Each structure stands twice: as structure tokens, then as C-alpha cells.
PDB file of N, CA and C in Angstrom:
ATOM      1  N   MET A   1       0.830  -1.198   0.000  1.00  0.00           N
ATOM      2  CA  MET A   1       0.000   0.000   0.000  1.00  0.00           C
ATOM      3  C   MET A   1       0.870   1.256   0.000  1.00  0.00           C
ATOM      4  N   GLU A   2       1.882   1.311   0.881  1.00  0.00           N
ATOM      5  CA  GLU A   2       2.724   2.500   0.951  1.00  0.00           C
ATOM      6  C   GLU A   2       3.521   2.719  -0.326  1.00  0.00           C
ATOM      7  N   VAL A   3       4.009   1.641  -0.922  1.00  0.00           N
ATOM      8  CA  VAL A   3       4.790   1.770  -2.152  1.00  0.00           C
ATOM      9  C   VAL A   3       3.916   2.356  -3.255  1.00  0.00           C
ATOM     10  N   LYS A   4       2.707   1.839  -3.403  1.00  0.00           N
ATOM     11  CA  LYS A   4       1.818   2.318  -4.452  1.00  0.00           C
ATOM     12  C   LYS A   4       1.435   3.783  -4.213  1.00  0.00           C
ATOM     13  N   ALA A   5       1.104   4.131  -2.983  1.00  0.00           N
ATOM     14  CA  ALA A   5       0.728   5.511  -2.667  1.00  0.00           C
ATOM     15  C   ALA A   5       1.903   6.456  -2.913  1.00  0.00           C
ATOM     16  N   PHE A   6       3.111   6.050  -2.487  1.00  0.00           N
ATOM     17  CA  PHE A   6       4.282   6.893  -2.723  1.00  0.00           C
ATOM     18  C   PHE A   6       4.544   7.039  -4.219  1.00  0.00           C
ATOM     19  N   PHE A   7       4.408   5.945  -4.963  1.00  0.00           N
ATOM     20  CA  PHE A   7       4.656   5.993  -6.397  1.00  0.00           C
ATOM     21  C   PHE A   7       3.713   6.972  -7.090  1.00  0.00           C
ATOM     22  N   GLN A   8       2.446   6.984  -6.699  1.00  0.00           N
ATOM     23  CA  GLN A   8       1.495   7.921  -7.302  1.00  0.00           C
ATOM     24  C   GLN A   8       1.909   9.365  -7.022  1.00  0.00           C
ATOM     25  N   LEU A   9       2.361   9.640  -5.801  1.00  0.00           N
ATOM     26  CA  LEU A   9       2.852  10.979  -5.483  1.00  0.00           C
ATOM     27  C   LEU A   9       4.106  11.298  -6.298  1.00  0.00           C
ATOM     28  N   GLN A  10       4.977  10.317  -6.437  1.00  0.00           N
ATOM     29  CA  GLN A  10       6.222  10.499  -7.189  1.00  0.00           C
ATOM     30  C   GLN A  10       5.933  10.825  -8.653  1.00  0.00           C
ATOM     31  N   GLN A  11       4.945  10.140  -9.235  1.00  0.00           N
ATOM     32  CA  GLN A  11       4.563  10.421 -10.621  1.00  0.00           C
ATOM     33  C   GLN A  11       4.125  11.873 -10.777  1.00  0.00           C
ATOM     34  N   THR A  12       3.291  12.338  -9.874  1.00  0.00           N
ATOM     35  CA  THR A  12       2.786  13.711  -9.931  1.00  0.00           C
ATOM     36  C   THR A  12       3.920  14.721  -9.782  1.00  0.00           C
ATOM     37  N   THR A  13       4.783  14.489  -8.821  1.00  0.00           N
ATOM     38  CA  THR A  13       5.895  15.408  -8.563  1.00  0.00           C
ATOM     39  C   THR A  13       6.853  15.452  -9.743  1.00  0.00           C
ATOM     40  N   ARG A  14       7.229  14.293 -10.257  1.00  0.00           N
ATOM     41  CA  ARG A  14       8.174  14.252 -11.378  1.00  0.00           C
ATOM     42  C   ARG A  14       7.573  14.874 -12.629  1.00  0.00           C
ATOM     43  N   ALA A  15       6.275  14.673 -12.866  1.00  0.00           N
ATOM     44  CA  ALA A  15       5.608  15.287 -14.022  1.00  0.00           C
ATOM     45  C   ALA A  15       5.627  16.804 -13.903  1.00  0.00           C
ATOM     46  N   ARG A  16       5.403  17.301 -12.698  1.00  0.00           N
ATOM     47  CA  ARG A  16       5.423  18.747 -12.460  1.00  0.00           C
ATOM     48  C   ARG A  16       6.795  19.340 -12.777  1.00  0.00           C
ATOM     49  N   HIS A  17       7.835  18.552 -12.579  1.00  0.00           N
ATOM     50  CA  HIS A  17       9.208  19.002 -12.844  1.00  0.00           C
ATOM     51  C   HIS A  17       9.681  18.627 -14.246  1.00  0.00           C
ATOM     52  N   GLY A  18       8.795  18.012 -15.041  1.00  0.00           N
ATOM     53  CA  GLY A  18       9.148  17.637 -16.408  1.00  0.00           C
ATOM     54  C   GLY A  18      10.098  16.464 -16.498  1.00  0.00           C
ATOM     55  N   MET A  19      10.053  15.570 -15.507  1.00  0.00           N
ATOM     56  CA  MET A  19      10.948  14.418 -15.478  1.00  0.00           C
ATOM     57  C   MET A  19      10.132  13.138 -15.392  1.00  0.00           C
ATOM     58  N   PRO A  20      10.598  12.062 -16.007  1.00  0.00           N
ATOM     59  CA  PRO A  20       9.873  10.794 -15.877  1.00  0.00           C
ATOM     60  C   PRO A  20      10.118  10.175 -14.502  1.00  0.00           C
ATOM     61  N   PRO A  21       9.118   9.492 -13.947  1.00  0.00           N
ATOM     62  CA  PRO A  21       9.329   8.832 -12.650  1.00  0.00           C
ATOM     63  C   PRO A  21      10.107   7.538 -12.812  1.00  0.00           C
ATOM     64  N   GLN A  22      10.714   7.100 -11.732  1.00  0.00           N
ATOM     65  CA  GLN A  22      11.297   5.771 -11.728  1.00  0.00           C
ATOM     66  C   GLN A  22      10.132   4.776 -11.815  1.00  0.00           C
ATOM     67  N   PRO A  23      10.358   3.591 -12.367  1.00  0.00           N
ATOM     68  CA  PRO A  23       9.282   2.596 -12.446  1.00  0.00           C
ATOM     69  C   PRO A  23       8.848   2.144 -11.047  1.00  0.00           C
ATOM     70  N   ILE A  24       7.592   1.756 -10.922  1.00  0.00           N
ATOM     71  CA  ILE A  24       7.083   1.283  -9.634  1.00  0.00           C
ATOM     72  C   ILE A  24       7.862   0.051  -9.180  1.00  0.00           C
ATOM     73  N   GLU A  25       8.353  -0.741 -10.128  1.00  0.00           N
ATOM     74  CA  GLU A  25       9.150  -1.917  -9.774  1.00  0.00           C
ATOM     75  C   GLU A  25      10.413  -1.531  -8.997  1.00  0.00           C
ATOM     76  N   TRP A  26      10.965  -0.372  -9.294  1.00  0.00           N
ATOM     77  CA  TRP A  26      12.155   0.110  -8.588  1.00  0.00           C
ATOM     78  C   TRP A  26      11.853   0.235  -7.092  1.00  0.00           C
ATOM     79  N   PHE A  27      10.733   0.890  -6.777  1.00  0.00           N
ATOM     80  CA  PHE A  27      10.380   1.098  -5.373  1.00  0.00           C
ATOM     81  C   PHE A  27       9.948  -0.209  -4.706  1.00  0.00           C
ATOM     82  N   ALA A  28       9.271  -1.081  -5.438  1.00  0.00           N
ATOM     83  CA  ALA A  28       8.881  -2.386  -4.897  1.00  0.00           C
ATOM     84  C   ALA A  28      10.119  -3.239  -4.606  1.00  0.00           C
ATOM     85  N   ASN A  29      11.101  -3.199  -5.508  1.00  0.00           N
ATOM     86  CA  ASN A  29      12.341  -3.954  -5.291  1.00  0.00           C
ATOM     87  C   ASN A  29      13.118  -3.424  -4.096  1.00  0.00           C
ATOM     88  N   LEU A  30      13.146  -2.103  -3.932  1.00  0.00           N
ATOM     89  CA  LEU A  30      13.804  -1.540  -2.754  1.00  0.00           C
ATOM     90  C   LEU A  30      13.157  -2.063  -1.485  1.00  0.00           C
ATOM     91  N   ALA A  31      11.839  -2.047  -1.461  1.00  0.00           N
ATOM     92  CA  ALA A  31      11.109  -2.499  -0.273  1.00  0.00           C
ATOM     93  C   ALA A  31      11.384  -3.970   0.025  1.00  0.00           C
ATOM     94  N   SER A  32      11.373  -4.812  -1.007  1.00  0.00           N
ATOM     95  CA  SER A  32      11.591  -6.240  -0.770  1.00  0.00           C
ATOM     96  C   SER A  32      13.057  -6.552  -0.459  1.00  0.00           C
ATOM     97  N   SER A  33      13.977  -5.813  -1.043  1.00  0.00           N
ATOM     98  CA  SER A  33      15.401  -6.075  -0.825  1.00  0.00           C
ATOM     99  C   SER A  33      15.910  -5.563   0.519  1.00  0.00           C
ATOM    100  N   LEU A  34      15.419  -4.410   0.931  1.00  0.00           N
ATOM    101  CA  LEU A  34      15.965  -3.774   2.127  1.00  0.00           C
ATOM    102  C   LEU A  34      15.187  -4.084   3.402  1.00  0.00           C
ATOM    103  N   GLY A  35      14.008  -4.646   3.258  1.00  0.00           N
ATOM    104  CA  GLY A  35      13.236  -5.048   4.439  1.00  0.00           C
ATOM    105  C   GLY A  35      12.984  -3.895   5.393  1.00  0.00           C
ATOM    106  N   ASP A  36      13.371  -4.081   6.654  1.00  0.00           N
ATOM    107  CA  ASP A  36      13.100  -3.047   7.668  1.00  0.00           C
ATOM    108  C   ASP A  36      14.100  -1.892   7.625  1.00  0.00           C
ATOM    109  N   ARG A  37      15.033  -1.909   6.686  1.00  0.00           N
ATOM    110  CA  ARG A  37      15.994  -0.800   6.565  1.00  0.00           C
ATOM    111  C   ARG A  37      15.462   0.331   5.687  1.00  0.00           C
ATOM    112  N   ILE A  38      14.281   0.142   5.088  1.00  0.00           N
ATOM    113  CA  ILE A  38      13.664   1.186   4.278  1.00  0.00           C
ATOM    114  C   ILE A  38      12.298   1.517   4.863  1.00  0.00           C
ATOM    115  N   LEU A  39      11.991   2.800   4.890  1.00  0.00           N
ATOM    116  CA  LEU A  39      10.680   3.240   5.371  1.00  0.00           C
ATOM    117  C   LEU A  39      10.062   4.198   4.372  1.00  0.00           C
ATOM    118  N   TYR A  40       8.812   3.938   4.058  1.00  0.00           N
ATOM    119  CA  TYR A  40       8.003   4.858   3.259  1.00  0.00           C
ATOM    120  C   TYR A  40       7.135   5.604   4.258  1.00  0.00           C
ATOM    121  N   ARG A  41       7.331   6.904   4.372  1.00  0.00           N
ATOM    122  CA  ARG A  41       6.563   7.716   5.316  1.00  0.00           C
ATOM    123  C   ARG A  41       5.635   8.614   4.512  1.00  0.00           C
ATOM    124  N   LEU A  42       4.346   8.531   4.822  1.00  0.00           N
ATOM    125  CA  LEU A  42       3.351   9.272   4.060  1.00  0.00           C
ATOM    126  C   LEU A  42       2.545  10.184   4.973  1.00  0.00           C
ATOM    127  N   GLY A  43       2.225  11.364   4.455  1.00  0.00           N
ATOM    128  CA  GLY A  43       1.313  12.276   5.137  1.00  0.00           C
ATOM    129  C   GLY A  43      -0.030  12.213   4.422  1.00  0.00           C
ATOM    130  N   TRP A  44      -1.105  12.106   5.202  1.00  0.00           N
ATOM    131  CA  TRP A  44      -2.443  11.932   4.641  1.00  0.00           C
ATOM    132  C   TRP A  44      -3.351  13.084   5.058  1.00  0.00           C
ATOM    133  N   VAL A  45      -4.250  13.464   4.177  1.00  0.00           N
ATOM    134  CA  VAL A  45      -5.324  14.403   4.487  1.00  0.00           C
ATOM    135  C   VAL A  45      -6.612  13.803   3.928  1.00  0.00           C
ATOM    136  N   LYS A  46      -7.547  13.548   4.805  1.00  0.00           N
ATOM    137  CA  LYS A  46      -8.845  12.978   4.398  1.00  0.00           C
ATOM    138  C   LYS A  46      -8.677  11.734   3.523  1.00  0.00           C
ATOM    139  N   ASN A  47      -7.890  10.783   4.009  1.00  0.00           N
ATOM    140  CA  ASN A  47      -7.650   9.504   3.324  1.00  0.00           C
ATOM    141  C   ASN A  47      -6.980   9.640   1.961  1.00  0.00           C
ATOM    142  N   GLN A  48      -6.308  10.754   1.724  1.00  0.00           N
ATOM    143  CA  GLN A  48      -5.592  10.991   0.465  1.00  0.00           C
ATOM    144  C   GLN A  48      -4.124  11.278   0.787  1.00  0.00           C
ATOM    145  N   PRO A  49      -3.174  10.524   0.208  1.00  0.00           N
ATOM    146  CA  PRO A  49      -1.766  10.843   0.466  1.00  0.00           C
ATOM    147  C   PRO A  49      -1.408  12.179  -0.185  1.00  0.00           C
ATOM    148  N   VAL A  50      -0.749  13.047   0.577  1.00  0.00           N
ATOM    149  CA  VAL A  50      -0.397  14.374   0.058  1.00  0.00           C
ATOM    150  C   VAL A  50       1.106  14.607   0.015  1.00  0.00           C
ATOM    151  N   ALA A  51       1.880  13.819   0.734  1.00  0.00           N
ATOM    152  CA  ALA A  51       3.330  13.963   0.733  1.00  0.00           C
ATOM    153  C   ALA A  51       3.951  12.665   1.241  1.00  0.00           C
ATOM    154  N   GLY A  52       5.165  12.415   0.793  1.00  0.00           N
ATOM    155  CA  GLY A  52       5.845  11.216   1.248  1.00  0.00           C
ATOM    156  C   GLY A  52       7.346  11.330   1.095  1.00  0.00           C
ATOM    157  N   ILE A  53       8.051  10.571   1.921  1.00  0.00           N
ATOM    158  CA  ILE A  53       9.501  10.469   1.805  1.00  0.00           C
ATOM    159  C   ILE A  53       9.896   9.004   1.950  1.00  0.00           C
ATOM    160  N   VAL A  54      11.043   8.693   1.409  1.00  0.00           N
ATOM    161  CA  VAL A  54      11.628   7.363   1.554  1.00  0.00           C
ATOM    162  C   VAL A  54      12.951   7.547   2.267  1.00  0.00           C
ATOM    163  N   THR A  55      13.127   6.802   3.356  1.00  0.00           N
ATOM    164  CA  THR A  55      14.391   6.852   4.084  1.00  0.00           C
ATOM    165  C   THR A  55      15.015   5.461   4.103  1.00  0.00           C
ATOM    166  N   LEU A  56      16.336   5.445   4.083  1.00  0.00           N
ATOM    167  CA  LEU A  56      17.107   4.210   4.165  1.00  0.00           C
ATOM    168  C   LEU A  56      17.956   4.260   5.420  1.00  0.00           C
ATOM    169  N   ARG A  57      18.066   3.133   6.111  1.00  0.00           N
ATOM    170  CA  ARG A  57      18.851   3.073   7.343  1.00  0.00           C
ATOM    171  C   ARG A  57      19.976   2.061   7.181  1.00  0.00           C
ATOM    172  N   TYR A  58      21.163   2.475   7.614  1.00  0.00           N
ATOM    173  CA  TYR A  58      22.302   1.572   7.682  1.00  0.00           C
ATOM    174  C   TYR A  58      22.988   1.812   9.022  1.00  0.00           C
ATOM    175  N   ARG A  59      22.986   0.796   9.847  1.00  0.00           N
ATOM    176  CA  ARG A  59      23.501   0.894  11.218  1.00  0.00           C
ATOM    177  C   ARG A  59      22.853   2.073  11.933  1.00  0.00           C
ATOM    178  N   ASP A  60      23.624   3.094  12.319  1.00  0.00           N
ATOM    179  CA  ASP A  60      23.022   4.219  13.047  1.00  0.00           C
ATOM    180  C   ASP A  60      22.843   5.458  12.163  1.00  0.00           C
ATOM    181  N   THR A  61      22.814   5.264  10.843  1.00  0.00           N
ATOM    182  CA  THR A  61      22.654   6.379   9.916  1.00  0.00           C
ATOM    183  C   THR A  61      21.336   6.242   9.156  1.00  0.00           C
ATOM    184  N   LEU A  62      20.578   7.324   9.136  1.00  0.00           N
ATOM    185  CA  LEU A  62      19.334   7.386   8.384  1.00  0.00           C
ATOM    186  C   LEU A  62      19.526   8.377   7.248  1.00  0.00           C
ATOM    187  N   VAL A  63      19.190   7.956   6.015  1.00  0.00           N
ATOM    188  CA  VAL A  63      19.392   8.785   4.837  1.00  0.00           C
ATOM    189  C   VAL A  63      18.049   9.053   4.164  1.00  0.00           C
ATOM    190  N   TYR A  64      17.766  10.328   3.928  1.00  0.00           N
ATOM    191  CA  TYR A  64      16.599  10.718   3.140  1.00  0.00           C
ATOM    192  C   TYR A  64      16.955  10.461   1.691  1.00  0.00           C
ATOM    193  N   LYS A  65      16.134   9.658   0.979  1.00  0.00           N
ATOM    194  CA  LYS A  65      16.489   9.278  -0.374  1.00  0.00           C
ATOM    195  C   LYS A  65      15.561   9.866  -1.423  1.00  0.00           C
ATOM    196  N   TYR A  66      14.253   9.779  -1.233  1.00  0.00           N
ATOM    197  CA  TYR A  66      13.279  10.279  -2.207  1.00  0.00           C
ATOM    198  C   TYR A  66      12.186  11.057  -1.492  1.00  0.00           C
ATOM    199  N   GLY A  67      11.628  12.031  -2.183  1.00  0.00           N
ATOM    200  CA  GLY A  67      10.513  12.783  -1.640  1.00  0.00           C
ATOM    201  C   GLY A  67       9.509  13.105  -2.739  1.00  0.00           C
ATOM    202  N   ALA A  68       8.250  13.259  -2.363  1.00  0.00           N
ATOM    203  CA  ALA A  68       7.199  13.572  -3.331  1.00  0.00           C
ATOM    204  C   ALA A  68       6.052  14.272  -2.613  1.00  0.00           C
ATOM    205  N   SER A  69       5.369  15.130  -3.360  1.00  0.00           N
ATOM    206  CA  SER A  69       4.185  15.800  -2.788  1.00  0.00           C
ATOM    207  C   SER A  69       3.224  16.198  -3.888  1.00  0.00           C
TER     208      SER A  69
END
């Protein structure tokens, strides 16, 4: 659910900037490969995702990787 919702936001954001989005398979593969080291964080308003970020964790370091709104 989070991957799909983030991908939809990513499509909108990238289109606004005139850039193609990464394929949804890219984000699905990240989620399956990294397990609990990746987090999709979404902000919702009235059951609609309005913003999201993807963070990656390695040991004690958290990295902001992707964002969309």
C-alpha cells in the first residue's frame, strides 16, 4: 500500500518538474530487498496521500532518499 501511494505521489511530482518517474518496480524492489531498513513515510489528508519520503537506514545512519508531494 505504501509503495503504491508513494509511487502515485512520485509520478505527480516528477511530471510537475518535467521528469519521468522511476518505475514502480524500482520502489517495490527496494522495499523487498531492504526489508526493515527502508521506510516509506506518508502524510495523509482525508484519506488521500499528500506527501511522502523514503528513508534508508544503515547501522546508526538514516538517509533521506526520495521525496514527493
